[in-house]
Amino acid sequence: MAKYHDTHFFECDCHSDEHVFKFTLDKDDADFYLHVFLNDFDRWYKRVWKAVKYVFGYKCKYGHWDVTMLDAEDVERLRDLCDKALWAKQEVK
């Protein structure tokens, strides 16, 4: 049986390809996924150093953050998508 996925992309107001995120609603199981691009702008050896520190338990007190700014139209579209996900969860129960 084929699964039905409802997928929506949201782009940042700055139009950077790195600030795009994707929501996917699996209508069969009512699972709601958020896919986020993880930025890799550091040189390879800096990323390896961060990985080694991570393996040994180092935690940055600030974490690793980026931002995506939505315009008003996308905020409404996201709200509608969240409403769909809530309805799908209720139908599965």
PDB file of N, CA and C in Angstrom:
ATOM      1  N   MET A   1       0.840  -1.178   0.000  1.00  0.00           N
ATOM      2  CA  MET A   1       0.000   0.000   0.000  1.00  0.00           C
ATOM      3  C   MET A   1       0.895   1.255   0.000  1.00  0.00           C
ATOM      4  N   ALA A   2       0.636   2.161  -0.889  1.00  0.00           N
ATOM      5  CA  ALA A   2       1.431   3.388  -1.007  1.00  0.00           C
ATOM      6  C   ALA A   2       1.041   4.378   0.086  1.00  0.00           C
ATOM      7  N   LYS A   3       2.047   5.013   0.632  1.00  0.00           N
ATOM      8  CA  LYS A   3       1.798   6.036   1.656  1.00  0.00           C
ATOM      9  C   LYS A   3       1.542   7.366   0.985  1.00  0.00           C
ATOM     10  N   TYR A   4       0.698   8.166   1.618  1.00  0.00           N
ATOM     11  CA  TYR A   4       0.400   9.496   1.101  1.00  0.00           C
ATOM     12  C   TYR A   4       1.075  10.523   1.993  1.00  0.00           C
ATOM     13  N   HIS A   5       1.963  11.302   1.412  1.00  0.00           N
ATOM     14  CA  HIS A   5       2.670  12.349   2.146  1.00  0.00           C
ATOM     15  C   HIS A   5       2.283  13.709   1.583  1.00  0.00           C
ATOM     16  N   ASP A   6       1.972  14.611   2.468  1.00  0.00           N
ATOM     17  CA  ASP A   6       1.675  15.995   2.109  1.00  0.00           C
ATOM     18  C   ASP A   6       2.907  16.806   2.513  1.00  0.00           C
ATOM     19  N   THR A   7       3.674  17.311   1.534  1.00  0.00           N
ATOM     20  CA  THR A   7       4.946  17.974   1.800  1.00  0.00           C
ATOM     21  C   THR A   7       4.875  19.447   1.442  1.00  0.00           C
ATOM     22  N   HIS A   8       5.417  20.285   2.340  1.00  0.00           N
ATOM     23  CA  HIS A   8       5.423  21.726   2.134  1.00  0.00           C
ATOM     24  C   HIS A   8       6.801  22.281   2.460  1.00  0.00           C
ATOM     25  N   PHE A   9       7.285  23.164   1.599  1.00  0.00           N
ATOM     26  CA  PHE A   9       8.566  23.826   1.802  1.00  0.00           C
ATOM     27  C   PHE A   9       8.323  25.271   2.208  1.00  0.00           C
ATOM     28  N   PHE A  10       9.137  25.759   3.132  1.00  0.00           N
ATOM     29  CA  PHE A  10       9.070  27.140   3.583  1.00  0.00           C
ATOM     30  C   PHE A  10      10.438  27.769   3.391  1.00  0.00           C
ATOM     31  N   GLU A  11      10.454  28.925   2.734  1.00  0.00           N
ATOM     32  CA  GLU A  11      11.702  29.615   2.422  1.00  0.00           C
ATOM     33  C   GLU A  11      11.821  30.868   3.279  1.00  0.00           C
ATOM     34  N   CYS A  12      13.030  31.155   3.714  1.00  0.00           N
ATOM     35  CA  CYS A  12      13.301  32.343   4.516  1.00  0.00           C
ATOM     36  C   CYS A  12      13.109  33.597   3.665  1.00  0.00           C
ATOM     37  N   ASP A  13      12.788  34.703   4.323  1.00  0.00           N
ATOM     38  CA  ASP A  13      12.666  35.982   3.620  1.00  0.00           C
ATOM     39  C   ASP A  13      13.966  36.415   2.964  1.00  0.00           C
ATOM     40  N   CYS A  14      15.102  35.918   3.447  1.00  0.00           N
ATOM     41  CA  CYS A  14      16.396  36.289   2.852  1.00  0.00           C
ATOM     42  C   CYS A  14      16.670  35.488   1.576  1.00  0.00           C
ATOM     43  N   HIS A  15      15.862  34.472   1.289  1.00  0.00           N
ATOM     44  CA  HIS A  15      15.941  33.632   0.091  1.00  0.00           C
ATOM     45  C   HIS A  15      17.216  32.795   0.012  1.00  0.00           C
ATOM     46  N   SER A  16      17.830  32.525   1.137  1.00  0.00           N
ATOM     47  CA  SER A  16      19.003  31.655   1.171  1.00  0.00           C
ATOM     48  C   SER A  16      18.547  30.203   1.053  1.00  0.00           C
ATOM     49  N   ASP A  17      19.239  29.418   0.226  1.00  0.00           N
ATOM     50  CA  ASP A  17      18.920  27.992   0.100  1.00  0.00           C
ATOM     51  C   ASP A  17      19.154  27.241   1.410  1.00  0.00           C
ATOM     52  N   GLU A  18      20.018  27.774   2.255  1.00  0.00           N
ATOM     53  CA  GLU A  18      20.315  27.125   3.526  1.00  0.00           C
ATOM     54  C   GLU A  18      19.245  27.392   4.575  1.00  0.00           C
ATOM     55  N   HIS A  19      18.330  28.311   4.308  1.00  0.00           N
ATOM     56  CA  HIS A  19      17.290  28.643   5.273  1.00  0.00           C
ATOM     57  C   HIS A  19      15.921  28.150   4.815  1.00  0.00           C
ATOM     58  N   VAL A  20      15.888  27.017   4.167  1.00  0.00           N
ATOM     59  CA  VAL A  20      14.642  26.401   3.729  1.00  0.00           C
ATOM     60  C   VAL A  20      14.365  25.222   4.664  1.00  0.00           C
ATOM     61  N   PHE A  21      13.131  25.087   5.093  1.00  0.00           N
ATOM     62  CA  PHE A  21      12.792  23.884   5.837  1.00  0.00           C
ATOM     63  C   PHE A  21      11.538  23.258   5.269  1.00  0.00           C
ATOM     64  N   LYS A  22      11.361  21.991   5.578  1.00  0.00           N
ATOM     65  CA  LYS A  22      10.310  21.193   4.962  1.00  0.00           C
ATOM     66  C   LYS A  22       9.491  20.517   6.050  1.00  0.00           C
ATOM     67  N   PHE A  23       8.177  20.583   5.901  1.00  0.00           N
ATOM     68  CA  PHE A  23       7.256  19.839   6.753  1.00  0.00           C
ATOM     69  C   PHE A  23       6.620  18.751   5.914  1.00  0.00           C
ATOM     70  N   THR A  24       6.532  17.555   6.471  1.00  0.00           N
ATOM     71  CA  THR A  24       5.881  16.444   5.790  1.00  0.00           C
ATOM     72  C   THR A  24       4.846  15.837   6.723  1.00  0.00           C
ATOM     73  N   LEU A  25       3.626  15.734   6.233  1.00  0.00           N
ATOM     74  CA  LEU A  25       2.540  15.093   6.981  1.00  0.00           C
ATOM     75  C   LEU A  25       2.262  13.751   6.325  1.00  0.00           C
ATOM     76  N   ASP A  26       2.480  12.685   7.071  1.00  0.00           N
ATOM     77  CA  ASP A  26       2.151  11.338   6.607  1.00  0.00           C
ATOM     78  C   ASP A  26       0.690  11.113   6.962  1.00  0.00           C
ATOM     79  N   LYS A  27      -0.175  11.209   5.969  1.00  0.00           N
ATOM     80  CA  LYS A  27      -1.618  11.163   6.244  1.00  0.00           C
ATOM     81  C   LYS A  27      -2.093   9.778   6.664  1.00  0.00           C
ATOM     82  N   ASP A  28      -1.336   8.726   6.329  1.00  0.00           N
ATOM     83  CA  ASP A  28      -1.744   7.378   6.732  1.00  0.00           C
ATOM     84  C   ASP A  28      -1.538   7.155   8.228  1.00  0.00           C
ATOM     85  N   ASP A  29      -0.395   7.598   8.750  1.00  0.00           N
ATOM     86  CA  ASP A  29      -0.065   7.391  10.162  1.00  0.00           C
ATOM     87  C   ASP A  29      -0.222   8.642  11.005  1.00  0.00           C
ATOM     88  N   ALA A  30      -0.503   9.782  10.365  1.00  0.00           N
ATOM     89  CA  ALA A  30      -0.647  11.082  11.032  1.00  0.00           C
ATOM     90  C   ALA A  30       0.646  11.526  11.693  1.00  0.00           C
ATOM     91  N   ASP A  31       1.785  11.094  11.144  1.00  0.00           N
ATOM     92  CA  ASP A  31       3.077  11.565  11.639  1.00  0.00           C
ATOM     93  C   ASP A  31       3.405  12.885  10.949  1.00  0.00           C
ATOM     94  N   PHE A  32       3.973  13.813  11.696  1.00  0.00           N
ATOM     95  CA  PHE A  32       4.264  15.157  11.210  1.00  0.00           C
ATOM     96  C   PHE A  32       5.756  15.400  11.388  1.00  0.00           C
ATOM     97  N   TYR A  33       6.470  15.577  10.292  1.00  0.00           N
ATOM     98  CA  TYR A  33       7.924  15.686  10.317  1.00  0.00           C
ATOM     99  C   TYR A  33       8.383  17.097   9.969  1.00  0.00           C
ATOM    100  N   LEU A  34       9.450  17.531  10.626  1.00  0.00           N
ATOM    101  CA  LEU A  34      10.126  18.783  10.295  1.00  0.00           C
ATOM    102  C   LEU A  34      11.531  18.422   9.839  1.00  0.00           C
ATOM    103  N   HIS A  35      11.898  18.828   8.627  1.00  0.00           N
ATOM    104  CA  HIS A  35      13.224  18.576   8.069  1.00  0.00           C
ATOM    105  C   HIS A  35      13.971  19.913   8.037  1.00  0.00           C
ATOM    106  N   VAL A  36      15.143  19.955   8.645  1.00  0.00           N
ATOM    107  CA  VAL A  36      15.914  21.186   8.746  1.00  0.00           C
ATOM    108  C   VAL A  36      17.292  20.964   8.137  1.00  0.00           C
ATOM    109  N   PHE A  37      17.734  21.919   7.339  1.00  0.00           N
ATOM    110  CA  PHE A  37      19.083  21.883   6.773  1.00  0.00           C
ATOM    111  C   PHE A  37      20.080  22.237   7.865  1.00  0.00           C
ATOM    112  N   LEU A  38      21.056  21.364   8.074  1.00  0.00           N
ATOM    113  CA  LEU A  38      22.100  21.657   9.046  1.00  0.00           C
ATOM    114  C   LEU A  38      23.299  22.216   8.308  1.00  0.00           C
ATOM    115  N   ASN A  39      23.671  23.361   8.676  1.00  0.00           N
ATOM    116  CA  ASN A  39      24.678  24.164   8.028  1.00  0.00           C
ATOM    117  C   ASN A  39      26.076  23.563   8.239  1.00  0.00           C
ATOM    118  N   ASP A  40      26.898  23.562   7.200  1.00  0.00           N
ATOM    119  CA  ASP A  40      28.256  23.026   7.308  1.00  0.00           C
ATOM    120  C   ASP A  40      29.285  24.007   6.747  1.00  0.00           C
ATOM    121  N   PHE A  41      29.212  25.250   7.183  1.00  0.00           N
ATOM    122  CA  PHE A  41      30.065  26.280   6.618  1.00  0.00           C
ATOM    123  C   PHE A  41      31.498  26.259   7.138  1.00  0.00           C
ATOM    124  N   ASP A  42      31.785  25.509   8.208  1.00  0.00           N
ATOM    125  CA  ASP A  42      33.159  25.405   8.690  1.00  0.00           C
ATOM    126  C   ASP A  42      33.985  24.523   7.764  1.00  0.00           C
ATOM    127  N   ARG A  43      35.276  24.725   7.777  1.00  0.00           N
ATOM    128  CA  ARG A  43      36.182  23.865   7.014  1.00  0.00           C
ATOM    129  C   ARG A  43      36.129  22.451   7.592  1.00  0.00           C
ATOM    130  N   TRP A  44      36.523  21.472   6.782  1.00  0.00           N
ATOM    131  CA  TRP A  44      36.382  20.066   7.161  1.00  0.00           C
ATOM    132  C   TRP A  44      37.080  19.763   8.478  1.00  0.00           C
ATOM    133  N   TYR A  45      38.268  20.303   8.726  1.00  0.00           N
ATOM    134  CA  TYR A  45      39.012  19.979   9.945  1.00  0.00           C
ATOM    135  C   TYR A  45      38.337  20.577  11.191  1.00  0.00           C
ATOM    136  N   LYS A  46      37.644  21.704  11.039  1.00  0.00           N
ATOM    137  CA  LYS A  46      36.907  22.262  12.175  1.00  0.00           C
ATOM    138  C   LYS A  46      35.689  21.395  12.494  1.00  0.00           C
ATOM    139  N   ARG A  47      35.051  20.875  11.458  1.00  0.00           N
ATOM    140  CA  ARG A  47      33.908  19.983  11.684  1.00  0.00           C
ATOM    141  C   ARG A  47      34.363  18.689  12.347  1.00  0.00           C
ATOM    142  N   VAL A  48      35.533  18.162  11.940  1.00  0.00           N
ATOM    143  CA  VAL A  48      36.079  16.953  12.568  1.00  0.00           C
ATOM    144  C   VAL A  48      36.386  17.231  14.039  1.00  0.00           C
ATOM    145  N   TRP A  49      36.980  18.396  14.338  1.00  0.00           N
ATOM    146  CA  TRP A  49      37.294  18.759  15.719  1.00  0.00           C
ATOM    147  C   TRP A  49      36.016  18.838  16.553  1.00  0.00           C
ATOM    148  N   LYS A  50      34.969  19.430  16.014  1.00  0.00           N
ATOM    149  CA  LYS A  50      33.694  19.499  16.734  1.00  0.00           C
ATOM    150  C   LYS A  50      33.139  18.098  16.975  1.00  0.00           C
ATOM    151  N   ALA A  51      33.278  17.222  15.988  1.00  0.00           N
ATOM    152  CA  ALA A  51      32.789  15.844  16.135  1.00  0.00           C
ATOM    153  C   ALA A  51      33.545  15.107  17.228  1.00  0.00           C
ATOM    154  N   VAL A  52      34.867  15.286  17.275  1.00  0.00           N
ATOM    155  CA  VAL A  52      35.677  14.639  18.311  1.00  0.00           C
ATOM    156  C   VAL A  52      35.252  15.147  19.693  1.00  0.00           C
ATOM    157  N   LYS A  53      35.068  16.448  19.826  1.00  0.00           N
ATOM    158  CA  LYS A  53      34.628  17.003  21.112  1.00  0.00           C
ATOM    159  C   LYS A  53      33.255  16.449  21.487  1.00  0.00           C
ATOM    160  N   TYR A  54      32.362  16.321  20.503  1.00  0.00           N
ATOM    161  CA  TYR A  54      31.029  15.780  20.762  1.00  0.00           C
ATOM    162  C   TYR A  54      31.117  14.341  21.276  1.00  0.00           C
ATOM    163  N   VAL A  55      31.958  13.526  20.621  1.00  0.00           N
ATOM    164  CA  VAL A  55      32.112  12.119  21.016  1.00  0.00           C
ATOM    165  C   VAL A  55      32.572  12.015  22.466  1.00  0.00           C
ATOM    166  N   PHE A  56      33.423  12.947  22.903  1.00  0.00           N
ATOM    167  CA  PHE A  56      33.922  12.915  24.273  1.00  0.00           C
ATOM    168  C   PHE A  56      33.065  13.713  25.258  1.00  0.00           C
ATOM    169  N   GLY A  57      31.872  14.111  24.828  1.00  0.00           N
ATOM    170  CA  GLY A  57      30.890  14.679  25.745  1.00  0.00           C
ATOM    171  C   GLY A  57      30.891  16.187  25.904  1.00  0.00           C
ATOM    172  N   TYR A  58      31.683  16.908  25.122  1.00  0.00           N
ATOM    173  CA  TYR A  58      31.683  18.370  25.228  1.00  0.00           C
ATOM    174  C   TYR A  58      30.351  18.923  24.739  1.00  0.00           C
ATOM    175  N   LYS A  59      29.805  19.857  25.482  1.00  0.00           N
ATOM    176  CA  LYS A  59      28.559  20.503  25.066  1.00  0.00           C
ATOM    177  C   LYS A  59      28.738  22.001  25.136  1.00  0.00           C
ATOM    178  N   CYS A  60      28.438  22.671  24.050  1.00  0.00           N
ATOM    179  CA  CYS A  60      28.495  24.126  24.015  1.00  0.00           C
ATOM    180  C   CYS A  60      27.275  24.665  24.756  1.00  0.00           C
ATOM    181  N   LYS A  61      27.472  25.648  25.618  1.00  0.00           N
ATOM    182  CA  LYS A  61      26.338  26.159  26.377  1.00  0.00           C
ATOM    183  C   LYS A  61      25.342  26.910  25.500  1.00  0.00           C
ATOM    184  N   TYR A  62      25.746  27.305  24.298  1.00  0.00           N
ATOM    185  CA  TYR A  62      24.857  28.035  23.397  1.00  0.00           C
ATOM    186  C   TYR A  62      24.184  27.141  22.364  1.00  0.00           C
ATOM    187  N   GLY A  63      24.695  25.951  22.142  1.00  0.00           N
ATOM    188  CA  GLY A  63      24.144  25.067  21.120  1.00  0.00           C
ATOM    189  C   GLY A  63      24.494  25.548  19.732  1.00  0.00           C
ATOM    190  N   HIS A  64      23.893  24.948  18.751  1.00  0.00           N
ATOM    191  CA  HIS A  64      24.124  25.315  17.357  1.00  0.00           C
ATOM    192  C   HIS A  64      22.792  25.748  16.765  1.00  0.00           C
ATOM    193  N   TRP A  65      22.681  27.010  16.439  1.00  0.00           N
ATOM    194  CA  TRP A  65      21.417  27.582  16.001  1.00  0.00           C
ATOM    195  C   TRP A  65      21.570  28.310  14.673  1.00  0.00           C
ATOM    196  N   ASP A  66      20.509  28.359  13.935  1.00  0.00           N
ATOM    197  CA  ASP A  66      20.382  29.191  12.751  1.00  0.00           C
ATOM    198  C   ASP A  66      18.951  29.707  12.771  1.00  0.00           C
ATOM    199  N   VAL A  67      18.576  30.518  11.809  1.00  0.00           N
ATOM    200  CA  VAL A  67      17.246  31.112  11.850  1.00  0.00           C
ATOM    201  C   VAL A  67      16.616  31.089  10.463  1.00  0.00           C
ATOM    202  N   THR A  68      15.305  30.926  10.428  1.00  0.00           N
ATOM    203  CA  THR A  68      14.516  31.065   9.211  1.00  0.00           C
ATOM    204  C   THR A  68      13.362  31.997   9.538  1.00  0.00           C
ATOM    205  N   MET A  69      13.250  33.070   8.784  1.00  0.00           N
ATOM    206  CA  MET A  69      12.184  34.053   9.014  1.00  0.00           C
ATOM    207  C   MET A  69      11.075  33.840   7.987  1.00  0.00           C
ATOM    208  N   LEU A  70       9.843  33.708   8.456  1.00  0.00           N
ATOM    209  CA  LEU A  70       8.716  33.488   7.566  1.00  0.00           C
ATOM    210  C   LEU A  70       7.949  34.781   7.351  1.00  0.00           C
ATOM    211  N   ASP A  71       7.473  34.965   6.124  1.00  0.00           N
ATOM    212  CA  ASP A  71       6.605  36.115   5.886  1.00  0.00           C
ATOM    213  C   ASP A  71       5.187  35.750   6.324  1.00  0.00           C
ATOM    214  N   ALA A  72       4.284  36.712   6.333  1.00  0.00           N
ATOM    215  CA  ALA A  72       2.920  36.513   6.857  1.00  0.00           C
ATOM    216  C   ALA A  72       2.174  35.411   6.109  1.00  0.00           C
ATOM    217  N   GLU A  73       2.353  35.345   4.800  1.00  0.00           N
ATOM    218  CA  GLU A  73       1.671  34.323   4.001  1.00  0.00           C
ATOM    219  C   GLU A  73       2.130  32.920   4.400  1.00  0.00           C
ATOM    220  N   ASP A  74       3.429  32.746   4.626  1.00  0.00           N
ATOM    221  CA  ASP A  74       3.941  31.437   5.034  1.00  0.00           C
ATOM    222  C   ASP A  74       3.523  31.080   6.455  1.00  0.00           C
ATOM    223  N   VAL A  75       3.381  32.069   7.321  1.00  0.00           N
ATOM    224  CA  VAL A  75       2.912  31.804   8.682  1.00  0.00           C
ATOM    225  C   VAL A  75       1.487  31.241   8.633  1.00  0.00           C
ATOM    226  N   GLU A  76       0.644  31.817   7.797  1.00  0.00           N
ATOM    227  CA  GLU A  76      -0.723  31.307   7.640  1.00  0.00           C
ATOM    228  C   GLU A  76      -0.711  29.900   7.047  1.00  0.00           C
ATOM    229  N   ARG A  77       0.158  29.685   6.071  1.00  0.00           N
ATOM    230  CA  ARG A  77       0.259  28.362   5.439  1.00  0.00           C
ATOM    231  C   ARG A  77       0.734  27.321   6.452  1.00  0.00           C
ATOM    232  N   LEU A  78       1.681  27.698   7.308  1.00  0.00           N
ATOM    233  CA  LEU A  78       2.169  26.789   8.349  1.00  0.00           C
ATOM    234  C   LEU A  78       1.065  26.492   9.362  1.00  0.00           C
ATOM    235  N   ARG A  79       0.297  27.506   9.724  1.00  0.00           N
ATOM    236  CA  ARG A  79      -0.818  27.293  10.654  1.00  0.00           C
ATOM    237  C   ARG A  79      -1.826  26.306  10.063  1.00  0.00           C
ATOM    238  N   ASP A  80      -2.152  26.469   8.791  1.00  0.00           N
ATOM    239  CA  ASP A  80      -3.088  25.552   8.130  1.00  0.00           C
ATOM    240  C   ASP A  80      -2.532  24.131   8.103  1.00  0.00           C
ATOM    241  N   LEU A  81      -1.227  24.004   7.856  1.00  0.00           N
ATOM    242  CA  LEU A  81      -0.604  22.683   7.830  1.00  0.00           C
ATOM    243  C   LEU A  81      -0.635  22.043   9.222  1.00  0.00           C
ATOM    244  N   CYS A  82      -0.392  22.827  10.258  1.00  0.00           N
ATOM    245  CA  CYS A  82      -0.466  22.307  11.632  1.00  0.00           C
ATOM    246  C   CYS A  82      -1.894  21.869  11.974  1.00  0.00           C
ATOM    247  N   ASP A  83      -2.886  22.640  11.522  1.00  0.00           N
ATOM    248  CA  ASP A  83      -4.280  22.238  11.725  1.00  0.00           C
ATOM    249  C   ASP A  83      -4.574  20.908  11.035  1.00  0.00           C
ATOM    250  N   LYS A  84      -4.051  20.729   9.812  1.00  0.00           N
ATOM    251  CA  LYS A  84      -4.227  19.453   9.101  1.00  0.00           C
ATOM    252  C   LYS A  84      -3.618  18.302   9.892  1.00  0.00           C
ATOM    253  N   ALA A  85      -2.425  18.541  10.454  1.00  0.00           N
ATOM    254  CA  ALA A  85      -1.753  17.490  11.226  1.00  0.00           C
ATOM    255  C   ALA A  85      -2.572  17.126  12.469  1.00  0.00           C
ATOM    256  N   LEU A  86      -3.155  18.116  13.131  1.00  0.00           N
ATOM    257  CA  LEU A  86      -3.983  17.836  14.303  1.00  0.00           C
ATOM    258  C   LEU A  86      -5.226  17.030  13.929  1.00  0.00           C
ATOM    259  N   TRP A  87      -5.854  17.390  12.826  1.00  0.00           N
ATOM    260  CA  TRP A  87      -7.038  16.643  12.363  1.00  0.00           C
ATOM    261  C   TRP A  87      -6.663  15.213  12.006  1.00  0.00           C
ATOM    262  N   ALA A  88      -5.527  15.033  11.359  1.00  0.00           N
ATOM    263  CA  ALA A  88      -5.087  13.686  10.990  1.00  0.00           C
ATOM    264  C   ALA A  88      -4.833  12.841  12.235  1.00  0.00           C
ATOM    265  N   LYS A  89      -4.242  13.431  13.278  1.00  0.00           N
ATOM    266  CA  LYS A  89      -3.999  12.696  14.528  1.00  0.00           C
ATOM    267  C   LYS A  89      -5.319  12.260  15.153  1.00  0.00           C
ATOM    268  N   GLN A  90      -6.319  13.121  15.111  1.00  0.00           N
ATOM    269  CA  GLN A  90      -7.622  12.781  15.687  1.00  0.00           C
ATOM    270  C   GLN A  90      -8.306  11.669  14.902  1.00  0.00           C
ATOM    271  N   GLU A  91      -8.132  11.649  13.594  1.00  0.00           N
ATOM    272  CA  GLU A  91      -8.757  10.617  12.766  1.00  0.00           C
ATOM    273  C   GLU A  91      -8.113   9.261  12.971  1.00  0.00           C
ATOM    274  N   VAL A  92      -6.815   9.236  13.271  1.00  0.00           N
ATOM    275  CA  VAL A  92      -6.108   7.975  13.473  1.00  0.00           C
ATOM    276  C   VAL A  92      -6.496   7.323  14.787  1.00  0.00           C
ATOM    277  N   LYS A  93      -6.828   8.145  15.806  1.00  0.00           N
ATOM    278  CA  LYS A  93      -7.175   7.614  17.136  1.00  0.00           C
ATOM    279  C   LYS A  93      -8.409   6.810  17.123  1.00  0.00           C
TER     280      LYS A  93
END
